[in-house]
PDB file of all heavy atoms in Angstrom:
ATOM      1  N   ALA A   1     -16.384  38.670 -60.259  1.00  0.00           N
ATOM      2  CA  ALA A   1     -17.174  37.775 -59.399  1.00  0.00           C
ATOM      3  C   ALA A   1     -18.018  38.636 -58.469  1.00  0.00           C
ATOM      4  O   ALA A   1     -17.743  39.802 -58.236  1.00  0.00           O
ATOM      5  CB  ALA A   1     -16.250  36.899 -58.573  1.00  0.00           C
ATOM      6  N   THR A   2     -19.100  38.058 -58.012  1.00  0.00           N
ATOM      7  CA  THR A   2     -19.978  38.750 -57.056  1.00  0.00           C
ATOM      8  C   THR A   2     -19.779  38.112 -55.675  1.00  0.00           C
ATOM      9  O   THR A   2     -19.826  36.901 -55.513  1.00  0.00           O
ATOM     10  CB  THR A   2     -21.441  38.595 -57.492  1.00  0.00           C
ATOM     11  OG1 THR A   2     -21.602  39.175 -58.785  1.00  0.00           O
ATOM     12  CG2 THR A   2     -22.365  39.326 -56.494  1.00  0.00           C
ATOM     13  N   LEU A   3     -19.557  38.978 -54.692  1.00  0.00           N
ATOM     14  CA  LEU A   3     -19.413  38.544 -53.304  1.00  0.00           C
ATOM     15  C   LEU A   3     -20.700  38.833 -52.584  1.00  0.00           C
ATOM     16  O   LEU A   3     -21.257  39.913 -52.697  1.00  0.00           O
ATOM     17  CB  LEU A   3     -18.284  39.302 -52.634  1.00  0.00           C
ATOM     18  CG  LEU A   3     -16.875  39.165 -53.284  1.00  0.00           C
ATOM     19  CD1 LEU A   3     -15.878  40.041 -52.567  1.00  0.00           C
ATOM     20  CD2 LEU A   3     -16.437  37.730 -53.331  1.00  0.00           C
ATOM     21  N   TYR A   4     -21.183  37.827 -51.866  1.00  0.00           N
ATOM     22  CA  TYR A   4     -22.499  37.926 -51.207  1.00  0.00           C
ATOM     23  C   TYR A   4     -22.408  37.945 -49.694  1.00  0.00           C
ATOM     24  O   TYR A   4     -21.403  37.546 -49.100  1.00  0.00           O
ATOM     25  CB  TYR A   4     -23.360  36.693 -51.609  1.00  0.00           C
ATOM     26  CG  TYR A   4     -23.575  36.527 -53.089  1.00  0.00           C
ATOM     27  CD1 TYR A   4     -22.835  35.623 -53.832  1.00  0.00           C
ATOM     28  CD2 TYR A   4     -24.498  37.330 -53.760  1.00  0.00           C
ATOM     29  CE1 TYR A   4     -23.057  35.445 -55.211  1.00  0.00           C
ATOM     30  CE2 TYR A   4     -24.730  37.226 -55.107  1.00  0.00           C
ATOM     31  CZ  TYR A   4     -24.010  36.261 -55.830  1.00  0.00           C
ATOM     32  OH  TYR A   4     -24.174  36.149 -57.182  1.00  0.00           O
ATOM     33  N   ASN A   5     -23.440  38.472 -49.091  1.00  0.00           N
ATOM     34  CA  ASN A   5     -23.609  38.442 -47.636  1.00  0.00           C
ATOM     35  C   ASN A   5     -22.464  39.129 -46.904  1.00  0.00           C
ATOM     36  O   ASN A   5     -21.961  38.660 -45.892  1.00  0.00           O
ATOM     37  CB  ASN A   5     -23.738  36.995 -47.147  1.00  0.00           C
ATOM     38  CG  ASN A   5     -24.543  36.888 -45.890  1.00  0.00           C
ATOM     39  OD1 ASN A   5     -25.324  37.767 -45.554  1.00  0.00           O
ATOM     40  ND2 ASN A   5     -24.328  35.815 -45.137  1.00  0.00           N
ATOM     41  N   LEU A   6     -22.046  40.299 -47.453  1.00  0.00           N
ATOM     42  CA  LEU A   6     -20.959  41.056 -46.846  1.00  0.00           C
ATOM     43  C   LEU A   6     -21.474  41.952 -45.709  1.00  0.00           C
ATOM     44  O   LEU A   6     -22.642  42.312 -45.648  1.00  0.00           O
ATOM     45  CB  LEU A   6     -20.255  41.908 -47.866  1.00  0.00           C
ATOM     46  CG  LEU A   6     -19.612  41.163 -49.057  1.00  0.00           C
ATOM     47  CD1 LEU A   6     -18.974  42.166 -50.004  1.00  0.00           C
ATOM     48  CD2 LEU A   6     -18.601  40.128 -48.605  1.00  0.00           C
ATOM     49  N   ILE A   7     -20.523  42.320 -44.858  1.00  0.00           N
ATOM     50  CA  ILE A   7     -20.762  43.344 -43.817  1.00  0.00           C
ATOM     51  C   ILE A   7     -20.265  44.674 -44.328  1.00  0.00           C
ATOM     52  O   ILE A   7     -19.125  44.764 -44.745  1.00  0.00           O
ATOM     53  CB  ILE A   7     -20.052  42.958 -42.521  1.00  0.00           C
ATOM     54  CG1 ILE A   7     -20.462  41.589 -42.030  1.00  0.00           C
ATOM     55  CG2 ILE A   7     -20.255  44.003 -41.425  1.00  0.00           C
ATOM     56  CD1 ILE A   7     -19.467  40.989 -40.985  1.00  0.00           C
ATOM     57  N   GLN A   8     -21.102  45.688 -44.351  1.00  0.00           N
ATOM     58  CA  GLN A   8     -20.654  47.012 -44.702  1.00  0.00           C
ATOM     59  C   GLN A   8     -20.344  47.752 -43.387  1.00  0.00           C
ATOM     60  O   GLN A   8     -21.103  47.729 -42.458  1.00  0.00           O
ATOM     61  CB  GLN A   8     -21.707  47.798 -45.484  1.00  0.00           C
ATOM     62  CG  GLN A   8     -21.258  49.209 -45.871  1.00  0.00           C
ATOM     63  CD  GLN A   8     -22.358  49.963 -46.639  1.00  0.00           C
ATOM     64  OE1 GLN A   8     -22.980  49.388 -47.524  1.00  0.00           O
ATOM     65  NE2 GLN A   8     -22.547  51.217 -46.271  1.00  0.00           N
ATOM     66  N   THR A   9     -19.185  48.414 -43.403  1.00  0.00           N
ATOM     67  CA  THR A   9     -18.743  49.085 -42.158  1.00  0.00           C
ATOM     68  C   THR A   9     -18.256  50.471 -42.459  1.00  0.00           C
ATOM     69  O   THR A   9     -17.749  50.742 -43.579  1.00  0.00           O
ATOM     70  CB  THR A   9     -17.610  48.288 -41.464  1.00  0.00           C
ATOM     71  OG1 THR A   9     -17.163  49.027 -40.345  1.00  0.00           O
ATOM     72  CG2 THR A   9     -16.444  48.015 -42.412  1.00  0.00           C
ATOM     73  N   SER A  10     -18.391  51.357 -41.468  1.00  0.00           N
ATOM     74  CA  SER A  10     -17.885  52.717 -41.614  1.00  0.00           C
ATOM     75  C   SER A  10     -16.435  52.814 -41.135  1.00  0.00           C
ATOM     76  O   SER A  10     -15.799  53.865 -41.260  1.00  0.00           O
ATOM     77  CB  SER A  10     -18.719  53.693 -40.825  1.00  0.00           C
ATOM     78  OG  SER A  10     -18.636  53.413 -39.411  1.00  0.00           O
ATOM     79  N   ALA A  11     -15.869  51.747 -40.645  1.00  0.00           N
ATOM     80  CA  ALA A  11     -14.477  51.750 -40.212  1.00  0.00           C
ATOM     81  C   ALA A  11     -13.607  52.021 -41.427  1.00  0.00           C
ATOM     82  O   ALA A  11     -13.720  51.286 -42.427  1.00  0.00           O
ATOM     83  CB  ALA A  11     -14.075  50.434 -39.569  1.00  0.00           C
ATOM     84  N   PRO A  12     -12.783  53.040 -41.425  1.00  0.00           N
ATOM     85  CA  PRO A  12     -11.940  53.338 -42.613  1.00  0.00           C
ATOM     86  C   PRO A  12     -11.085  52.160 -43.028  1.00  0.00           C
ATOM     87  O   PRO A  12     -10.398  51.571 -42.204  1.00  0.00           O
ATOM     88  CB  PRO A  12     -11.106  54.561 -42.165  1.00  0.00           C
ATOM     89  CG  PRO A  12     -11.905  55.170 -41.077  1.00  0.00           C
ATOM     90  CD  PRO A  12     -12.598  54.061 -40.345  1.00  0.00           C
ATOM     91  N   ILE A  13     -11.111  51.818 -44.311  1.00  0.00           N
ATOM     92  CA  ILE A  13     -10.355  50.739 -44.869  1.00  0.00           C
ATOM     93  C   ILE A  13      -9.301  51.336 -45.792  1.00  0.00           C
ATOM     94  O   ILE A  13      -9.652  52.130 -46.694  1.00  0.00           O
ATOM     95  CB  ILE A  13     -11.219  49.731 -45.673  1.00  0.00           C
ATOM     96  CG1 ILE A  13     -12.384  49.261 -44.776  1.00  0.00           C
ATOM     97  CG2 ILE A  13     -10.384  48.585 -46.158  1.00  0.00           C
ATOM     98  CD1 ILE A  13     -11.986  48.496 -43.559  1.00  0.00           C
ATOM     99  N   ASN A  14      -8.034  50.975 -45.602  1.00  0.00           N
ATOM    100  CA  ASN A  14      -6.948  51.543 -46.426  1.00  0.00           C
ATOM    101  C   ASN A  14      -6.243  50.443 -47.156  1.00  0.00           C
ATOM    102  O   ASN A  14      -6.302  49.285 -46.784  1.00  0.00           O
ATOM    103  CB  ASN A  14      -5.958  52.296 -45.528  1.00  0.00           C
ATOM    104  CG  ASN A  14      -6.597  53.507 -44.882  1.00  0.00           C
ATOM    105  OD1 ASN A  14      -6.971  54.457 -45.560  1.00  0.00           O
ATOM    106  ND2 ASN A  14      -6.713  53.470 -43.548  1.00  0.00           N
ATOM    107  N   PRO A  15      -5.495  50.787 -48.265  1.00  0.00           N
ATOM    108  CA  PRO A  15      -4.708  49.763 -48.931  1.00  0.00           C
ATOM    109  C   PRO A  15      -3.751  49.091 -47.930  1.00  0.00           C
ATOM    110  O   PRO A  15      -3.128  49.765 -47.126  1.00  0.00           O
ATOM    111  CB  PRO A  15      -3.917  50.604 -49.967  1.00  0.00           C
ATOM    112  CG  PRO A  15      -4.788  51.755 -50.243  1.00  0.00           C
ATOM    113  CD  PRO A  15      -5.463  52.064 -48.948  1.00  0.00           C
ATOM    114  N   GLY A  16      -3.682  47.769 -47.995  1.00  0.00           N
ATOM    115  CA  GLY A  16      -2.898  47.001 -47.037  1.00  0.00           C
ATOM    116  C   GLY A  16      -3.712  46.370 -45.946  1.00  0.00           C
ATOM    117  O   GLY A  16      -3.251  45.447 -45.256  1.00  0.00           O
ATOM    118  N   ASP A  17      -4.953  46.896 -45.728  1.00  0.00           N
ATOM    119  CA  ASP A  17      -5.821  46.312 -44.689  1.00  0.00           C
ATOM    120  C   ASP A  17      -6.490  45.017 -45.179  1.00  0.00           C
ATOM    121  O   ASP A  17      -7.007  44.246 -44.346  1.00  0.00           O
ATOM    122  CB  ASP A  17      -6.935  47.309 -44.341  1.00  0.00           C
ATOM    123  CG  ASP A  17      -6.408  48.411 -43.404  1.00  0.00           C
ATOM    124  OD1 ASP A  17      -5.468  48.155 -42.656  1.00  0.00           O
ATOM    125  OD2 ASP A  17      -6.966  49.520 -43.459  1.00  0.00           O
ATOM    126  N   SER A  18      -6.501  44.767 -46.483  1.00  0.00           N
ATOM    127  CA  SER A  18      -7.178  43.567 -47.035  1.00  0.00           C
ATOM    128  C   SER A  18      -6.676  42.311 -46.364  1.00  0.00           C
ATOM    129  O   SER A  18      -5.470  42.111 -46.231  1.00  0.00           O
ATOM    130  CB  SER A  18      -6.963  43.479 -48.512  1.00  0.00           C
ATOM    131  OG  SER A  18      -7.671  44.490 -49.198  1.00  0.00           O
ATOM    132  N   GLY A  19      -7.650  41.476 -45.933  1.00  0.00           N
ATOM    133  CA  GLY A  19      -7.276  40.210 -45.292  1.00  0.00           C
ATOM    134  C   GLY A  19      -7.226  40.290 -43.798  1.00  0.00           C
ATOM    135  O   GLY A  19      -7.184  39.266 -43.121  1.00  0.00           O
ATOM    136  N   GLY A  20      -7.205  41.510 -43.261  1.00  0.00           N
ATOM    137  CA  GLY A  20      -7.162  41.641 -41.826  1.00  0.00           C
ATOM    138  C   GLY A  20      -8.531  41.383 -41.166  1.00  0.00           C
ATOM    139  O   GLY A  20      -9.558  41.312 -41.836  1.00  0.00           O
ATOM    140  N   PRO A  21      -8.537  41.233 -39.877  1.00  0.00           N
ATOM    141  CA  PRO A  21      -9.799  40.882 -39.189  1.00  0.00           C
ATOM    142  C   PRO A  21     -10.672  42.107 -38.904  1.00  0.00           C
ATOM    143  O   PRO A  21     -10.170  43.198 -38.608  1.00  0.00           O
ATOM    144  CB  PRO A  21      -9.311  40.252 -37.881  1.00  0.00           C
ATOM    145  CG  PRO A  21      -8.051  40.977 -37.581  1.00  0.00           C
ATOM    146  CD  PRO A  21      -7.399  41.228 -38.922  1.00  0.00           C
ATOM    147  N   LEU A  22     -11.963  41.945 -39.004  1.00  0.00           N
ATOM    148  CA  LEU A  22     -12.952  42.856 -38.523  1.00  0.00           C
ATOM    149  C   LEU A  22     -13.444  42.285 -37.201  1.00  0.00           C
ATOM    150  O   LEU A  22     -13.940  41.127 -37.185  1.00  0.00           O
ATOM    151  CB  LEU A  22     -14.084  43.044 -39.481  1.00  0.00           C
ATOM    152  CG  LEU A  22     -15.107  44.156 -39.117  1.00  0.00           C
ATOM    153  CD1 LEU A  22     -14.524  45.524 -39.395  1.00  0.00           C
ATOM    154  CD2 LEU A  22     -16.427  43.968 -39.901  1.00  0.00           C
ATOM    155  N   VAL A  23     -13.275  43.022 -36.101  1.00  0.00           N
ATOM    156  CA  VAL A  23     -13.606  42.426 -34.779  1.00  0.00           C
ATOM    157  C   VAL A  23     -14.721  43.205 -34.116  1.00  0.00           C
ATOM    158  O   VAL A  23     -14.910  44.402 -34.368  1.00  0.00           O
ATOM    159  CB  VAL A  23     -12.356  42.381 -33.883  1.00  0.00           C
ATOM    160  CG1 VAL A  23     -11.279  41.509 -34.498  1.00  0.00           C
ATOM    161  CG2 VAL A  23     -11.814  43.774 -33.622  1.00  0.00           C
ATOM    162  N   ASP A  24     -15.437  42.524 -33.233  1.00  0.00           N
ATOM    163  CA  ASP A  24     -16.537  43.173 -32.512  1.00  0.00           C
ATOM    164  C   ASP A  24     -16.015  43.732 -31.186  1.00  0.00           C
ATOM    165  O   ASP A  24     -14.796  43.715 -30.921  1.00  0.00           O
ATOM    166  CB  ASP A  24     -17.698  42.205 -32.304  1.00  0.00           C
ATOM    167  CG  ASP A  24     -17.298  40.941 -31.472  1.00  0.00           C
ATOM    168  OD1 ASP A  24     -16.223  40.947 -30.856  1.00  0.00           O
ATOM    169  OD2 ASP A  24     -18.040  39.951 -31.527  1.00  0.00           O
ATOM    170  N   SER A  25     -16.906  44.204 -30.345  1.00  0.00           N
ATOM    171  CA  SER A  25     -16.497  44.841 -29.077  1.00  0.00           C
ATOM    172  C   SER A  25     -15.946  43.862 -28.053  1.00  0.00           C
ATOM    173  O   SER A  25     -15.384  44.258 -27.053  1.00  0.00           O
ATOM    174  CB  SER A  25     -17.681  45.582 -28.494  1.00  0.00           C
ATOM    175  OG  SER A  25     -18.784  44.710 -28.241  1.00  0.00           O
ATOM    176  N   LEU A  26     -16.074  42.569 -28.332  1.00  0.00           N
ATOM    177  CA  LEU A  26     -15.464  41.530 -27.459  1.00  0.00           C
ATOM    178  C   LEU A  26     -14.067  41.126 -27.958  1.00  0.00           C
ATOM    179  O   LEU A  26     -13.432  40.262 -27.358  1.00  0.00           O
ATOM    180  CB  LEU A  26     -16.340  40.297 -27.424  1.00  0.00           C
ATOM    181  CG  LEU A  26     -17.745  40.456 -26.830  1.00  0.00           C
ATOM    182  CD1 LEU A  26     -18.543  39.155 -26.992  1.00  0.00           C
ATOM    183  CD2 LEU A  26     -17.678  40.896 -25.381  1.00  0.00           C
ATOM    184  N   GLY A  27     -13.618  41.729 -29.075  1.00  0.00           N
ATOM    185  CA  GLY A  27     -12.348  41.333 -29.641  1.00  0.00           C
ATOM    186  C   GLY A  27     -12.395  40.035 -30.374  1.00  0.00           C
ATOM    187  O   GLY A  27     -11.363  39.381 -30.564  1.00  0.00           O
ATOM    188  N   GLU A  28     -13.594  39.659 -30.840  1.00  0.00           N
ATOM    189  CA  GLU A  28     -13.734  38.359 -31.598  1.00  0.00           C
ATOM    190  C   GLU A  28     -13.904  38.705 -33.078  1.00  0.00           C
ATOM    191  O   GLU A  28     -14.531  39.675 -33.452  1.00  0.00           O
ATOM    192  CB  GLU A  28     -14.994  37.659 -31.103  1.00  0.00           C
ATOM    193  CG  GLU A  28     -14.857  37.219 -29.619  1.00  0.00           C
ATOM    194  CD  GLU A  28     -16.127  36.591 -29.081  1.00  0.00           C
ATOM    195  OE1 GLU A  28     -17.185  36.646 -29.792  1.00  0.00           O
ATOM    196  OE2 GLU A  28     -16.050  35.992 -27.998  1.00  0.00           O
ATOM    197  N   VAL A  29     -13.265  37.869 -33.914  1.00  0.00           N
ATOM    198  CA  VAL A  29     -13.288  38.067 -35.340  1.00  0.00           C
ATOM    199  C   VAL A  29     -14.676  37.743 -35.872  1.00  0.00           C
ATOM    200  O   VAL A  29     -15.170  36.625 -35.795  1.00  0.00           O
ATOM    201  CB  VAL A  29     -12.208  37.238 -36.057  1.00  0.00           C
ATOM    202  CG1 VAL A  29     -12.338  37.394 -37.562  1.00  0.00           C
ATOM    203  CG2 VAL A  29     -10.833  37.655 -35.595  1.00  0.00           C
ATOM    204  N   VAL A  30     -15.316  38.781 -36.507  1.00  0.00           N
ATOM    205  CA  VAL A  30     -16.636  38.582 -37.072  1.00  0.00           C
ATOM    206  C   VAL A  30     -16.601  38.762 -38.605  1.00  0.00           C
ATOM    207  O   VAL A  30     -17.609  38.513 -39.284  1.00  0.00           O
ATOM    208  CB  VAL A  30     -17.665  39.539 -36.483  1.00  0.00           C
ATOM    209  CG1 VAL A  30     -17.964  39.170 -35.047  1.00  0.00           C
ATOM    210  CG2 VAL A  30     -17.197  40.976 -36.605  1.00  0.00           C
ATOM    211  N   GLY A  31     -15.478  39.178 -39.139  1.00  0.00           N
ATOM    212  CA  GLY A  31     -15.404  39.391 -40.564  1.00  0.00           C
ATOM    213  C   GLY A  31     -13.943  39.498 -41.041  1.00  0.00           C
ATOM    214  O   GLY A  31     -13.006  39.580 -40.245  1.00  0.00           O
ATOM    215  N   ILE A  32     -13.796  39.453 -42.358  1.00  0.00           N
ATOM    216  CA  ILE A  32     -12.477  39.566 -43.009  1.00  0.00           C
ATOM    217  C   ILE A  32     -12.523  40.750 -43.980  1.00  0.00           C
ATOM    218  O   ILE A  32     -13.238  40.698 -44.974  1.00  0.00           O
ATOM    219  CB  ILE A  32     -12.110  38.266 -43.714  1.00  0.00           C
ATOM    220  CG1 ILE A  32     -12.167  37.104 -42.768  1.00  0.00           C
ATOM    221  CG2 ILE A  32     -10.754  38.406 -44.380  1.00  0.00           C
ATOM    222  CD1 ILE A  32     -12.336  35.752 -43.424  1.00  0.00           C
TER     223      ILE A  32
END
């Protein structure tokens, strides 16, 4: 499948992180 409109980040992602929140500087969830 193709996933669209994703956020690319330099934050290191490791096995087990999948499904966790990506948060901004306010501590608000902006991505998964």
